[in-house]
Amino acid sequence: MRLRLWLLILPLLVAGTQVGTAILDRLAPPSYESVELFSPDNESHALLPVVVALGAMALVCAVVRLATSAPTTRRHPAWAFAGLPPLIFTLQEHVEYVVGHGHIPWLLAANPVFLFGLGLQAPLAVVAYAVSRALVGAAVAIAERRLAARARWRRPPLSPRPGGTDIRPRPCFLRNARLTRGPPHALVV
């Protein structure tokens, strides 16, 4: 269950972080900008469709796998939604700054633009958490419904008769019918 849940959570967290970074890049002054990971003027922009396709594929596979087997729990690691988006954002901004400017940004965390971007991660993490809970809830409901339907259609086990012979239960349309051999009761009487 844990791997399936993480395959669902991580693409949502990374997508939320990248949306926050894209919003920050639109609002940031030119002095703050450096080599942005998926900006249109960067070579890595060509990798964006591949990264999105891989993330979507992992997300769909996780949801399908959750829907085909009923998990025992619906718990989400809340710490992941609280801690990973700021961590991913901070690491990405520092790496981009080092690549763009050539030195380690010791005071980047004090920059108001960086702090705005860091604060922007909180509402996006809440949205990712809500989407993740909805997807897991829907997948678990589908899995539970499938298991209930399978149990309903499964044949009941053989039930022993008082005489020691086993019989199969009658279908519902024959439950009250008399299934003995011989002439109809009205003719015999």
Foldseek 3Di string as FASTA:
>chain_A
DVVLLCLQQVLLLVVLLVVLVVVLVVVPDPVLDFQAQCDPVDPNVVCVVVVNVVSVVSNVVSLQVCLQAADPDLDDDVCCLVPVSLVVNVVRSQVRCCVGPVDGDPCPVVDPSSVVSSVSSNVSSVVSVVVSSVSSVVSNVNNVVVVVVVVVPDADDWDADPVGDTDGQDPPVCNPPDPDDDDDPVVVD
